[in-house]
PDB file of N, CA and C in Angstrom:
ATOM      1  N   MET A   1       0.244  -1.032  -0.035  1.00  0.00           N
ATOM      2  CA  MET A   1      -0.035   0.134  -0.085  1.00  0.00           C
ATOM      3  C   MET A   1       1.023   1.209  -0.131  1.00  0.00           C
ATOM      4  N   SER A   2       0.585   1.940  -0.693  1.00  0.00           N
ATOM      5  CA  SER A   2       1.370   3.080  -1.122  1.00  0.00           C
ATOM      6  C   SER A   2       0.429   4.139  -1.732  1.00  0.00           C
ATOM      7  N   VAL A   3       1.422   5.646  -1.403  1.00  0.00           N
ATOM      8  CA  VAL A   3       0.360   6.860  -1.687  1.00  0.00           C
ATOM      9  C   VAL A   3       1.935   8.001  -2.133  1.00  0.00           C
ATOM     10  N   THR A   4       2.041   8.170  -3.395  1.00  0.00           N
ATOM     11  CA  THR A   4       3.151   8.286  -4.283  1.00  0.00           C
ATOM     12  C   THR A   4       2.648  10.112  -4.467  1.00  0.00           C
ATOM     13  N   ILE A   5       3.892  10.803  -4.731  1.00  0.00           N
ATOM     14  CA  ILE A   5       3.434  12.265  -4.835  1.00  0.00           C
ATOM     15  C   ILE A   5       4.521  12.690  -5.814  1.00  0.00           C
ATOM     16  N   GLU A   6       3.969  13.035  -6.717  1.00  0.00           N
ATOM     17  CA  GLU A   6       5.211  13.718  -7.651  1.00  0.00           C
ATOM     18  C   GLU A   6       4.370  14.568  -8.669  1.00  0.00           C
ATOM     19  N   VAL A   7       5.345  15.667  -8.727  1.00  0.00           N
ATOM     20  CA  VAL A   7       5.282  16.801  -9.428  1.00  0.00           C
ATOM     21  C   VAL A   7       4.595  16.632 -11.226  1.00  0.00           C
ATOM     22  N   GLN A   8       3.774  17.593 -11.223  1.00  0.00           N
ATOM     23  CA  GLN A   8       3.299  16.924 -12.740  1.00  0.00           C
ATOM     24  C   GLN A   8       4.048  18.002 -13.738  1.00  0.00           C
ATOM     25  N   GLY A   9       4.610  17.334 -14.768  1.00  0.00           N
ATOM     26  CA  GLY A   9       5.092  18.182 -15.819  1.00  0.00           C
ATOM     27  C   GLY A   9       6.830  18.213 -15.207  1.00  0.00           C
ATOM     28  N   ALA A  10       6.697  17.310 -14.405  1.00  0.00           N
ATOM     29  CA  ALA A  10       8.573  17.055 -13.655  1.00  0.00           C
ATOM     30  C   ALA A  10       9.681  17.941 -14.783  1.00  0.00           C
ATOM     31  N   SER A  11       9.403  16.935 -15.538  1.00  0.00           N
ATOM     32  CA  SER A  11      11.236  16.967 -16.907  1.00  0.00           C
ATOM     33  C   SER A  11      10.944  18.083 -17.194  1.00  0.00           C
ATOM     34  N   ARG A  12       9.911  19.029 -17.526  1.00  0.00           N
ATOM     35  CA  ARG A  12       9.505  20.372 -18.569  1.00  0.00           C
ATOM     36  C   ARG A  12      10.030  21.401 -17.452  1.00  0.00           C
ATOM     37  N   LEU A  13       9.472  21.019 -16.038  1.00  0.00           N
ATOM     38  CA  LEU A  13       9.816  21.905 -14.599  1.00  0.00           C
ATOM     39  C   LEU A  13      11.259  21.901 -14.551  1.00  0.00           C
ATOM     40  N   GLN A  14      11.881  20.513 -14.682  1.00  0.00           N
ATOM     41  CA  GLN A  14      13.536  20.648 -14.136  1.00  0.00           C
ATOM     42  C   GLN A  14      14.083  21.198 -15.229  1.00  0.00           C
ATOM     43  N   SER A  15      13.951  21.025 -16.624  1.00  0.00           N
ATOM     44  CA  SER A  15      14.536  22.028 -17.773  1.00  0.00           C
ATOM     45  C   SER A  15      14.646  23.455 -17.766  1.00  0.00           C
ATOM     46  N   LEU A  16      13.346  24.034 -17.145  1.00  0.00           N
ATOM     47  CA  LEU A  16      13.525  25.416 -16.733  1.00  0.00           C
ATOM     48  C   LEU A  16      14.044  25.865 -16.088  1.00  0.00           C
ATOM     49  N   LEU A  17      14.039  24.934 -14.493  1.00  0.00           N
ATOM     50  CA  LEU A  17      14.888  25.429 -13.589  1.00  0.00           C
ATOM     51  C   LEU A  17      16.001  25.592 -13.707  1.00  0.00           C
ATOM     52  N   GLY A  18      16.264  23.952 -14.976  1.00  0.00           N
ATOM     53  CA  GLY A  18      17.845  23.802 -14.600  1.00  0.00           C
ATOM     54  C   GLY A  18      18.513  25.150 -15.429  1.00  0.00           C
ATOM     55  N   ARG A  19      18.110  25.856 -16.376  1.00  0.00           N
ATOM     56  CA  ARG A  19      18.565  26.738 -16.987  1.00  0.00           C
ATOM     57  C   ARG A  19      18.607  28.108 -15.986  1.00  0.00           C
ATOM     58  N   LEU A  20      17.352  28.282 -14.762  1.00  0.00           N
ATOM     59  CA  LEU A  20      17.678  29.374 -13.981  1.00  0.00           C
ATOM     60  C   LEU A  20      18.641  28.976 -12.587  1.00  0.00           C
ATOM     61  N   SER A  21      18.627  27.799 -12.118  1.00  0.00           N
ATOM     62  CA  SER A  21      19.561  27.922 -10.832  1.00  0.00           C
ATOM     63  C   SER A  21      19.259  26.303 -10.975  1.00  0.00           C
ATOM     64  N   GLY A  22      20.157  25.621 -10.287  1.00  0.00           N
ATOM     65  CA  GLY A  22      19.989  24.281  -9.888  1.00  0.00           C
ATOM     66  C   GLY A  22      19.750  24.051  -8.408  1.00  0.00           C
ATOM     67  N   ARG A  23      19.832  25.282  -7.756  1.00  0.00           N
ATOM     68  CA  ARG A  23      19.593  25.442  -6.938  1.00  0.00           C
ATOM     69  C   ARG A  23      17.847  25.242  -6.407  1.00  0.00           C
ATOM     70  N   ILE A  24      17.347  25.535  -7.417  1.00  0.00           N
ATOM     71  CA  ILE A  24      15.637  25.763  -7.698  1.00  0.00           C
ATOM     72  C   ILE A  24      14.964  24.252  -7.518  1.00  0.00           C
ATOM     73  N   ALA A  25      16.080  22.930  -8.555  1.00  0.00           N
ATOM     74  CA  ALA A  25      15.670  21.620  -8.812  1.00  0.00           C
ATOM     75  C   ALA A  25      15.461  21.311  -7.258  1.00  0.00           C
ATOM     76  N   ALA A  26      16.878  21.567  -6.766  1.00  0.00           N
ATOM     77  CA  ALA A  26      17.417  20.804  -5.605  1.00  0.00           C
ATOM     78  C   ALA A  26      16.303  21.457  -4.473  1.00  0.00           C
ATOM     79  N   ALA A  27      16.123  22.494  -4.066  1.00  0.00           N
ATOM     80  CA  ALA A  27      14.827  23.044  -3.433  1.00  0.00           C
ATOM     81  C   ALA A  27      13.387  22.314  -3.847  1.00  0.00           C
ATOM     82  N   VAL A  28      13.086  22.059  -4.880  1.00  0.00           N
ATOM     83  CA  VAL A  28      12.007  21.115  -4.994  1.00  0.00           C
ATOM     84  C   VAL A  28      11.878  19.977  -4.791  1.00  0.00           C
ATOM     85  N   ALA A  29      12.987  19.523  -5.164  1.00  0.00           N
ATOM     86  CA  ALA A  29      13.379  18.031  -5.005  1.00  0.00           C
ATOM     87  C   ALA A  29      13.308  17.946  -3.077  1.00  0.00           C
ATOM     88  N   GLU A  30      13.843  18.622  -2.489  1.00  0.00           N
ATOM     89  CA  GLU A  30      13.853  18.654  -0.826  1.00  0.00           C
ATOM     90  C   GLU A  30      12.353  18.774  -0.344  1.00  0.00           C
ATOM     91  N   GLU A  31      11.546  19.714  -0.974  1.00  0.00           N
ATOM     92  CA  GLU A  31       9.617  20.014  -0.488  1.00  0.00           C
ATOM     93  C   GLU A  31       9.702  18.989  -0.919  1.00  0.00           C
ATOM     94  N   THR A  32       9.895  18.334  -1.854  1.00  0.00           N
ATOM     95  CA  THR A  32       8.853  17.357  -2.690  1.00  0.00           C
ATOM     96  C   THR A  32       8.859  15.645  -1.310  1.00  0.00           C
ATOM     97  N   LEU A  33      10.474  15.688  -0.861  1.00  0.00           N
ATOM     98  CA  LEU A  33       9.979  14.681   0.042  1.00  0.00           C
ATOM     99  C   LEU A  33       9.855  14.885   1.287  1.00  0.00           C
ATOM    100  N   ALA A  34       9.997  16.468   1.977  1.00  0.00           N
ATOM    101  CA  ALA A  34       9.535  17.235   2.957  1.00  0.00           C
ATOM    102  C   ALA A  34       7.604  17.033   2.742  1.00  0.00           C
ATOM    103  N   GLY A  35       7.478  17.088   1.846  1.00  0.00           N
ATOM    104  CA  GLY A  35       5.950  16.746   1.506  1.00  0.00           C
ATOM    105  C   GLY A  35       5.200  15.425   1.770  1.00  0.00           C
ATOM    106  N   ALA A  36       5.794  14.453   1.041  1.00  0.00           N
ATOM    107  CA  ALA A  36       5.656  12.827   1.495  1.00  0.00           C
ATOM    108  C   ALA A  36       6.068  13.045   3.111  1.00  0.00           C
ATOM    109  N   GLU A  37       6.894  13.556   3.657  1.00  0.00           N
ATOM    110  CA  GLU A  37       7.722  13.417   5.184  1.00  0.00           C
ATOM    111  C   GLU A  37       5.931  13.809   5.753  1.00  0.00           C
ATOM    112  N   ALA A  38       5.200  14.726   5.289  1.00  0.00           N
ATOM    113  CA  ALA A  38       4.207  15.524   5.893  1.00  0.00           C
ATOM    114  C   ALA A  38       2.844  14.452   6.046  1.00  0.00           C
ATOM    115  N   VAL A  39       2.927  13.692   4.598  1.00  0.00           N
ATOM    116  CA  VAL A  39       1.563  12.739   4.221  1.00  0.00           C
ATOM    117  C   VAL A  39       1.933  11.578   5.279  1.00  0.00           C
ATOM    118  N   ALA A  40       3.296  11.277   5.726  1.00  0.00           N
ATOM    119  CA  ALA A  40       3.353  10.030   6.525  1.00  0.00           C
ATOM    120  C   ALA A  40       2.754  10.353   7.806  1.00  0.00           C
ATOM    121  N   ARG A  41       3.710  11.659   8.743  1.00  0.00           N
ATOM    122  CA  ARG A  41       2.967  12.079   9.835  1.00  0.00           C
ATOM    123  C   ARG A  41       1.411  11.876   9.717  1.00  0.00           C
ATOM    124  N   GLU A  42       0.430  12.511   9.227  1.00  0.00           N
ATOM    125  CA  GLU A  42      -0.966  12.918   9.072  1.00  0.00           C
ATOM    126  C   GLU A  42      -0.964  10.969   8.794  1.00  0.00           C
ATOM    127  N   ALA A  43      -0.308   9.947   8.001  1.00  0.00           N
ATOM    128  CA  ALA A  43      -1.235   8.805   7.984  1.00  0.00           C
ATOM    129  C   ALA A  43      -0.967   8.212   9.218  1.00  0.00           C
ATOM    130  N   LYS A  44       0.712   8.740   9.787  1.00  0.00           N
ATOM    131  CA  LYS A  44       0.519   7.957  11.236  1.00  0.00           C
ATOM    132  C   LYS A  44      -0.594   8.315  12.175  1.00  0.00           C
ATOM    133  N   ALA A  45      -0.804   9.525  12.140  1.00  0.00           N
ATOM    134  CA  ALA A  45      -1.707   9.937  13.176  1.00  0.00           C
ATOM    135  C   ALA A  45      -3.174   9.870  12.597  1.00  0.00           C
ATOM    136  N   LEU A  46      -3.659   8.944  11.525  1.00  0.00           N
ATOM    137  CA  LEU A  46      -5.324   8.542  11.463  1.00  0.00           C
ATOM    138  C   LEU A  46      -4.938   7.160  11.611  1.00  0.00           C
ATOM    139  N   ALA A  47      -4.139   6.291  11.021  1.00  0.00           N
ATOM    140  CA  ALA A  47      -3.791   5.069  11.227  1.00  0.00           C
ATOM    141  C   ALA A  47      -4.577   4.160  12.556  1.00  0.00           C
ATOM    142  N   PRO A  48      -5.286   3.361  12.397  1.00  0.00           N
ATOM    143  CA  PRO A  48      -5.881   2.830  13.752  1.00  0.00           C
ATOM    144  C   PRO A  48      -4.953   2.239  13.821  1.00  0.00           C
ATOM    145  N   VAL A  49      -4.795   1.710  15.892  1.00  0.00           N
ATOM    146  CA  VAL A  49      -3.771   1.149  16.534  1.00  0.00           C
ATOM    147  C   VAL A  49      -4.207   0.126  17.638  1.00  0.00           C
ATOM    148  N   ASP A  50      -3.446  -1.215  17.342  1.00  0.00           N
ATOM    149  CA  ASP A  50      -3.976  -2.055  18.040  1.00  0.00           C
ATOM    150  C   ASP A  50      -2.891  -2.706  18.391  1.00  0.00           C
ATOM    151  N   THR A  51      -1.808  -3.043  17.541  1.00  0.00           N
ATOM    152  CA  THR A  51      -0.424  -3.526  18.094  1.00  0.00           C
ATOM    153  C   THR A  51       0.943  -2.598  17.835  1.00  0.00           C
ATOM    154  N   GLY A  52       0.238  -1.236  17.106  1.00  0.00           N
ATOM    155  CA  GLY A  52       1.222  -0.278  16.526  1.00  0.00           C
ATOM    156  C   GLY A  52       2.197  -0.534  15.482  1.00  0.00           C
ATOM    157  N   ARG A  53       2.026  -1.259  14.775  1.00  0.00           N
ATOM    158  CA  ARG A  53       2.973  -2.178  13.728  1.00  0.00           C
ATOM    159  C   ARG A  53       2.634  -1.741  12.436  1.00  0.00           C
ATOM    160  N   LEU A  54       1.363  -1.173  12.745  1.00  0.00           N
ATOM    161  CA  LEU A  54       0.641  -0.308  11.614  1.00  0.00           C
ATOM    162  C   LEU A  54       1.376   0.621  11.230  1.00  0.00           C
ATOM    163  N   ARG A  55       1.243   1.437  12.300  1.00  0.00           N
ATOM    164  CA  ARG A  55       1.728   3.203  12.074  1.00  0.00           C
ATOM    165  C   ARG A  55       3.135   3.333  12.333  1.00  0.00           C
ATOM    166  N   ALA A  56       3.940   2.377  12.788  1.00  0.00           N
ATOM    167  CA  ALA A  56       5.476   2.124  12.742  1.00  0.00           C
ATOM    168  C   ALA A  56       5.778   1.658  11.376  1.00  0.00           C
ATOM    169  N   SER A  57       4.934   1.040  10.496  1.00  0.00           N
ATOM    170  CA  SER A  57       5.612   0.531   8.960  1.00  0.00           C
ATOM    171  C   SER A  57       5.319   2.196   7.814  1.00  0.00           C
ATOM    172  N   ILE A  58       4.706   2.773   8.285  1.00  0.00           N
ATOM    173  CA  ILE A  58       4.503   3.755   7.866  1.00  0.00           C
ATOM    174  C   ILE A  58       5.469   5.269   7.384  1.00  0.00           C
ATOM    175  N   GLU A  59       6.443   5.181   5.972  1.00  0.00           N
ATOM    176  CA  GLU A  59       7.624   6.182   6.159  1.00  0.00           C
ATOM    177  C   GLU A  59       7.972   6.403   4.938  1.00  0.00           C
ATOM    178  N   ALA A  60       8.082   7.906   4.573  1.00  0.00           N
ATOM    179  CA  ALA A  60       8.560   8.643   3.141  1.00  0.00           C
ATOM    180  C   ALA A  60       9.651   8.170   2.741  1.00  0.00           C
ATOM    181  N   LEU A  61       9.361   8.119   1.466  1.00  0.00           N
ATOM    182  CA  LEU A  61      10.751   7.516   0.837  1.00  0.00           C
ATOM    183  C   LEU A  61      11.036   8.379  -0.531  1.00  0.00           C
ATOM    184  N   ARG A  62      12.080   9.013  -1.089  1.00  0.00           N
ATOM    185  CA  ARG A  62      12.685   9.265  -2.175  1.00  0.00           C
ATOM    186  C   ARG A  62      12.795   8.348  -3.212  1.00  0.00           C
ATOM    187  N   GLU A  63      11.977   8.836  -4.287  1.00  0.00           N
ATOM    188  CA  GLU A  63      11.553   8.116  -5.433  1.00  0.00           C
ATOM    189  C   GLU A  63      12.340   8.348  -6.975  1.00  0.00           C
ATOM    190  N   GLY A  64      12.554   9.266  -6.770  1.00  0.00           N
ATOM    191  CA  GLY A  64      13.389   9.988  -7.878  1.00  0.00           C
ATOM    192  C   GLY A  64      13.264  11.532  -7.557  1.00  0.00           C
ATOM    193  N   ARG A  65      14.111  12.219  -8.434  1.00  0.00           N
ATOM    194  CA  ARG A  65      14.343  13.551  -8.159  1.00  0.00           C
ATOM    195  C   ARG A  65      13.318  14.715  -7.852  1.00  0.00           C
ATOM    196  N   THR A  66      11.872  14.201  -8.415  1.00  0.00           N
ATOM    197  CA  THR A  66      10.816  15.068  -8.405  1.00  0.00           C
ATOM    198  C   THR A  66       9.643  13.885  -7.241  1.00  0.00           C
ATOM    199  N   SER A  67       9.869  13.006  -6.875  1.00  0.00           N
ATOM    200  CA  SER A  67       9.052  12.076  -6.729  1.00  0.00           C
ATOM    201  C   SER A  67       9.128  11.602  -5.316  1.00  0.00           C
ATOM    202  N   ALA A  68       8.200  11.330  -4.416  1.00  0.00           N
ATOM    203  CA  ALA A  68       8.337  10.614  -3.414  1.00  0.00           C
ATOM    204  C   ALA A  68       7.310   9.534  -3.173  1.00  0.00           C
ATOM    205  N   VAL A  69       7.525   8.521  -2.404  1.00  0.00           N
ATOM    206  CA  VAL A  69       6.327   7.693  -1.938  1.00  0.00           C
ATOM    207  C   VAL A  69       5.973   7.407  -0.769  1.00  0.00           C
ATOM    208  N   VAL A  70       5.101   7.494   0.222  1.00  0.00           N
ATOM    209  CA  VAL A  70       4.861   7.165   1.180  1.00  0.00           C
ATOM    210  C   VAL A  70       3.698   5.644   1.298  1.00  0.00           C
ATOM    211  N   VAL A  71       5.109   4.987   2.071  1.00  0.00           N
ATOM    212  CA  VAL A  71       4.504   3.561   1.792  1.00  0.00           C
ATOM    213  C   VAL A  71       3.751   2.808   3.225  1.00  0.00           C
ATOM    214  N   ALA A  72       3.209   1.806   3.616  1.00  0.00           N
ATOM    215  CA  ALA A  72       3.058   1.243   4.680  1.00  0.00           C
ATOM    216  C   ALA A  72       3.202  -0.085   4.619  1.00  0.00           C
ATOM    217  N   ARG A  73       4.350  -0.576   4.867  1.00  0.00           N
ATOM    218  CA  ARG A  73       4.939  -1.849   4.825  1.00  0.00           C
ATOM    219  C   ARG A  73       4.058  -3.027   5.326  1.00  0.00           C
ATOM    220  N   ALA A  74       3.034  -2.628   6.344  1.00  0.00           N
ATOM    221  CA  ALA A  74       2.585  -3.694   7.395  1.00  0.00           C
ATOM    222  C   ALA A  74       1.941  -4.548   6.130  1.00  0.00           C
ATOM    223  N   PRO A  75       1.657  -6.118   6.058  1.00  0.00           N
ATOM    224  CA  PRO A  75       1.253  -6.478   4.983  1.00  0.00           C
ATOM    225  C   PRO A  75      -0.302  -6.262   4.883  1.00  0.00           C
ATOM    226  N   TYR A  76      -0.762  -6.191   5.899  1.00  0.00           N
ATOM    227  CA  TYR A  76      -2.556  -5.858   5.915  1.00  0.00           C
ATOM    228  C   TYR A  76      -3.109  -4.840   5.696  1.00  0.00           C
ATOM    229  N   ALA A  77      -1.630  -3.503   5.462  1.00  0.00           N
ATOM    230  CA  ALA A  77      -2.500  -1.979   5.093  1.00  0.00           C
ATOM    231  C   ALA A  77      -3.307  -1.772   4.567  1.00  0.00           C
ATOM    232  N   ALA A  78      -3.572  -2.767   3.651  1.00  0.00           N
ATOM    233  CA  ALA A  78      -4.369  -2.528   2.095  1.00  0.00           C
ATOM    234  C   ALA A  78      -5.845  -2.866   2.936  1.00  0.00           C
ATOM    235  N   PHE A  79      -5.959  -3.595   3.603  1.00  0.00           N
ATOM    236  CA  PHE A  79      -6.859  -4.756   4.288  1.00  0.00           C
ATOM    237  C   PHE A  79      -7.469  -3.552   5.310  1.00  0.00           C
ATOM    238  N   VAL A  80      -6.676  -2.657   5.767  1.00  0.00           N
ATOM    239  CA  VAL A  80      -7.394  -1.690   6.925  1.00  0.00           C
ATOM    240  C   VAL A  80      -7.980  -0.520   6.102  1.00  0.00           C
ATOM    241  N   GLU A  81      -7.032   0.146   5.249  1.00  0.00           N
ATOM    242  CA  GLU A  81      -7.467   1.171   4.136  1.00  0.00           C
ATOM    243  C   GLU A  81      -8.525   0.899   3.263  1.00  0.00           C
ATOM    244  N   TYR A  82      -8.663  -0.479   3.141  1.00  0.00           N
ATOM    245  CA  TYR A  82     -10.076  -0.426   1.926  1.00  0.00           C
ATOM    246  C   TYR A  82     -11.246  -1.541   2.833  1.00  0.00           C
ATOM    247  N   GLY A  83     -10.618  -2.171   3.647  1.00  0.00           N
ATOM    248  CA  GLY A  83     -11.800  -3.267   4.495  1.00  0.00           C
ATOM    249  C   GLY A  83     -11.668  -4.075   3.708  1.00  0.00           C
ATOM    250  N   THR A  84     -12.215  -4.822   3.934  1.00  0.00           N
ATOM    251  CA  THR A  84     -12.756  -6.960   3.681  1.00  0.00           C
ATOM    252  C   THR A  84     -14.574  -6.641   3.531  1.00  0.00           C
ATOM    253  N   ARG A  85     -14.718  -7.804   2.817  1.00  0.00           N
ATOM    254  CA  ARG A  85     -15.887  -8.388   3.022  1.00  0.00           C
ATOM    255  C   ARG A  85     -16.263  -8.746   4.722  1.00  0.00           C
ATOM    256  N   ARG A  86     -15.454  -8.839   5.862  1.00  0.00           N
ATOM    257  CA  ARG A  86     -15.605  -9.144   7.262  1.00  0.00           C
ATOM    258  C   ARG A  86     -15.178  -7.691   7.848  1.00  0.00           C
ATOM    259  N   MET A  87     -14.625  -6.885   7.412  1.00  0.00           N
ATOM    260  CA  MET A  87     -13.991  -5.562   7.886  1.00  0.00           C
ATOM    261  C   MET A  87     -14.161  -4.084   7.361  1.00  0.00           C
ATOM    262  N   ALA A  88     -15.144  -3.320   8.284  1.00  0.00           N
ATOM    263  CA  ALA A  88     -15.281  -2.071   7.673  1.00  0.00           C
ATOM    264  C   ALA A  88     -13.952  -1.638   6.848  1.00  0.00           C
ATOM    265  N   ALA A  89     -13.358  -0.703   6.336  1.00  0.00           N
ATOM    266  CA  ALA A  89     -12.413  -0.259   6.019  1.00  0.00           C
ATOM    267  C   ALA A  89     -12.152   1.444   6.773  1.00  0.00           C
ATOM    268  N   GLN A  90     -10.934   1.506   6.980  1.00  0.00           N
ATOM    269  CA  GLN A  90     -10.469   2.623   7.825  1.00  0.00           C
ATOM    270  C   GLN A  90      -9.279   3.482   7.290  1.00  0.00           C
ATOM    271  N   PRO A  91      -9.895   3.984   6.365  1.00  0.00           N
ATOM    272  CA  PRO A  91      -8.783   4.698   5.948  1.00  0.00           C
ATOM    273  C   PRO A  91      -7.719   5.425   6.688  1.00  0.00           C
ATOM    274  N   PHE A  92      -6.555   5.287   5.720  1.00  0.00           N
ATOM    275  CA  PHE A  92      -5.852   6.739   7.177  1.00  0.00           C
ATOM    276  C   PHE A  92      -4.446   7.580   5.737  1.00  0.00           C
ATOM    277  N   MET A  93      -4.496   6.451   4.911  1.00  0.00           N
ATOM    278  CA  MET A  93      -3.278   7.106   3.446  1.00  0.00           C
ATOM    279  C   MET A  93      -4.000   7.982   2.448  1.00  0.00           C
ATOM    280  N   ARG A  94      -5.445   7.479   1.784  1.00  0.00           N
ATOM    281  CA  ARG A  94      -5.796   8.582   1.132  1.00  0.00           C
ATOM    282  C   ARG A  94      -6.394   9.678   2.194  1.00  0.00           C
ATOM    283  N   PRO A  95      -6.847   9.989   3.444  1.00  0.00           N
ATOM    284  CA  PRO A  95      -7.381  10.914   3.533  1.00  0.00           C
ATOM    285  C   PRO A  95      -6.017  11.557   4.416  1.00  0.00           C
ATOM    286  N   ALA A  96      -4.723  11.355   4.517  1.00  0.00           N
ATOM    287  CA  ALA A  96      -3.465  11.893   4.886  1.00  0.00           C
ATOM    288  C   ALA A  96      -2.800  12.430   3.619  1.00  0.00           C
ATOM    289  N   ALA A  97      -3.047  11.538   2.332  1.00  0.00           N
ATOM    290  CA  ALA A  97      -2.319  12.665   1.399  1.00  0.00           C
ATOM    291  C   ALA A  97      -3.307  13.440   0.832  1.00  0.00           C
ATOM    292  N   GLN A  98      -4.821  13.600   1.154  1.00  0.00           N
ATOM    293  CA  GLN A  98      -6.122  15.088   0.684  1.00  0.00           C
ATOM    294  C   GLN A  98      -5.704  15.612   1.690  1.00  0.00           C
ATOM    295  N   ARG A  99      -5.053  15.605   2.928  1.00  0.00           N
ATOM    296  CA  ARG A  99      -4.940  16.840   4.030  1.00  0.00           C
ATOM    297  C   ARG A  99      -3.995  17.677   3.495  1.00  0.00           C
ATOM    298  N   ALA A 100      -2.726  16.686   3.476  1.00  0.00           N
ATOM    299  CA  ALA A 100      -1.594  17.680   3.073  1.00  0.00           C
ATOM    300  C   ALA A 100      -1.578  17.879   1.604  1.00  0.00           C
ATOM    301  N   ARG A 101      -2.488  17.333   0.885  1.00  0.00           N
ATOM    302  CA  ARG A 101      -1.906  17.756  -0.512  1.00  0.00           C
ATOM    303  C   ARG A 101      -1.665  19.411  -0.814  1.00  0.00           C
ATOM    304  N   ALA A 102      -1.928  20.105  -0.407  1.00  0.00           N
ATOM    305  CA  ALA A 102      -2.188  21.795  -0.088  1.00  0.00           C
ATOM    306  C   ALA A 102      -0.891  22.503   0.410  1.00  0.00           C
ATOM    307  N   GLU A 103      -0.414  22.186   1.362  1.00  0.00           N
ATOM    308  CA  GLU A 103       0.545  22.179   2.461  1.00  0.00           C
ATOM    309  C   GLU A 103       2.084  21.899   1.126  1.00  0.00           C
ATOM    310  N   VAL A 104       1.510  20.259   0.560  1.00  0.00           N
ATOM    311  CA  VAL A 104       2.549  20.243  -0.170  1.00  0.00           C
ATOM    312  C   VAL A 104       3.340  21.268  -1.579  1.00  0.00           C
ATOM    313  N   ALA A 105       1.680  21.217  -1.918  1.00  0.00           N
ATOM    314  CA  ALA A 105       1.938  22.321  -2.738  1.00  0.00           C
ATOM    315  C   ALA A 105       2.595  23.688  -2.670  1.00  0.00           C
ATOM    316  N   ALA A 106       1.882  24.561  -1.348  1.00  0.00           N
ATOM    317  CA  ALA A 106       2.501  25.499  -0.903  1.00  0.00           C
ATOM    318  C   ALA A 106       3.595  25.394  -0.914  1.00  0.00           C
ATOM    319  N   ARG A 107       4.246  24.486  -0.133  1.00  0.00           N
ATOM    320  CA  ARG A 107       5.548  24.361   0.126  1.00  0.00           C
ATOM    321  C   ARG A 107       6.731  24.716  -1.217  1.00  0.00           C
ATOM    322  N   ILE A 108       6.128  23.423  -2.336  1.00  0.00           N
ATOM    323  CA  ILE A 108       6.666  23.769  -3.577  1.00  0.00           C
ATOM    324  C   ILE A 108       6.849  24.741  -4.072  1.00  0.00           C
ATOM    325  N   GLY A 109       5.763  25.709  -4.152  1.00  0.00           N
ATOM    326  CA  GLY A 109       5.954  26.927  -4.732  1.00  0.00           C
ATOM    327  C   GLY A 109       6.594  28.061  -3.580  1.00  0.00           C
ATOM    328  N   GLU A 110       6.664  27.732  -2.779  1.00  0.00           N
ATOM    329  CA  GLU A 110       7.703  28.905  -1.789  1.00  0.00           C
ATOM    330  C   GLU A 110       8.936  28.515  -1.853  1.00  0.00           C
ATOM    331  N   ALA A 111       9.512  27.035  -2.399  1.00  0.00           N
ATOM    332  CA  ALA A 111      10.606  26.975  -2.190  1.00  0.00           C
ATOM    333  C   ALA A 111      11.014  27.925  -4.050  1.00  0.00           C
ATOM    334  N   VAL A 112      10.587  27.504  -4.779  1.00  0.00           N
ATOM    335  CA  VAL A 112      10.281  28.006  -5.657  1.00  0.00           C
ATOM    336  C   VAL A 112      10.749  29.485  -5.986  1.00  0.00           C
ATOM    337  N   ARG A 113       9.500  30.434  -5.152  1.00  0.00           N
ATOM    338  CA  ARG A 113       9.783  31.738  -4.953  1.00  0.00           C
ATOM    339  C   ARG A 113      11.495  32.129  -4.479  1.00  0.00           C
ATOM    340  N   ARG A 114      11.424  31.643  -3.397  1.00  0.00           N
ATOM    341  CA  ARG A 114      12.552  31.914  -2.218  1.00  0.00           C
ATOM    342  C   ARG A 114      13.753  31.659  -3.554  1.00  0.00           C
ATOM    343  N   GLU A 115      13.413  30.656  -4.432  1.00  0.00           N
ATOM    344  CA  GLU A 115      15.028  30.181  -4.514  1.00  0.00           C
ATOM    345  C   GLU A 115      15.350  30.955  -6.133  1.00  0.00           C
ATOM    346  N   THR A 116      13.751  31.669  -6.918  1.00  0.00           N
ATOM    347  CA  THR A 116      14.107  32.450  -7.774  1.00  0.00           C
ATOM    348  C   THR A 116      14.619  33.956  -7.417  1.00  0.00           C
ATOM    349  N   ARG A 117      13.999  34.304  -5.801  1.00  0.00           N
ATOM    350  CA  ARG A 117      14.432  35.773  -5.702  1.00  0.00           C
ATOM    351  C   ARG A 117      16.014  35.678  -5.102  1.00  0.00           C
ATOM    352  N   ALA A 118      16.405  34.703  -4.845  1.00  0.00           N
ATOM    353  CA  ALA A 118      17.605  34.327  -4.143  1.00  0.00           C
ATOM    354  C   ALA A 118      18.876  34.708  -5.588  1.00  0.00           C
ATOM    355  N   ALA A 119      18.244  33.981  -7.171  1.00  0.00           N
ATOM    356  CA  ALA A 119      19.065  33.795  -8.020  1.00  0.00           C
ATOM    357  C   ALA A 119      18.864  35.085  -8.371  1.00  0.00           C
ATOM    358  N   ALA A 120      17.538  36.245  -8.717  1.00  0.00           N
ATOM    359  CA  ALA A 120      17.960  37.570  -9.252  1.00  0.00           C
ATOM    360  C   ALA A 120      18.676  38.023  -8.878  1.00  0.00           C
TER     361      ALA A 120
END
C-alpha cells in the first residue's frame, strides 16, 4: 500500500529550472520529500492502532528527483485502508494525502519563489 507524490510536468519544469538555477531544482526535490514526510506524519496520526505495527510501518521515501512515495509496509495495510468483506475500511493513507495536498503544493511553490528571488 502506498501513496505517491509526484510533481506533474516535472521533466519540463526541471528543464526550465535547470536554466535558472540548480538550486531551485534541489529545493523542489527537498520540498517534495518534505511533503511526503508530512503525508506520512498525517497517515501515522490517522492509522488505527492495535499493536502499533501498522503505524510503525509508515514511512516516506525519495523515489526520484521530483517524486517521493509514502508506504505502509505492514502486510495488512491495504485491508485496513480499503476494508474486506468482514471488516469495514479504516482509511488512513488517502485522507492523509488529501489533507496534506495543499501544504505540499504551498511548500513547493514557496521554495521556487524563494530560490527565484535569491537567484535574481
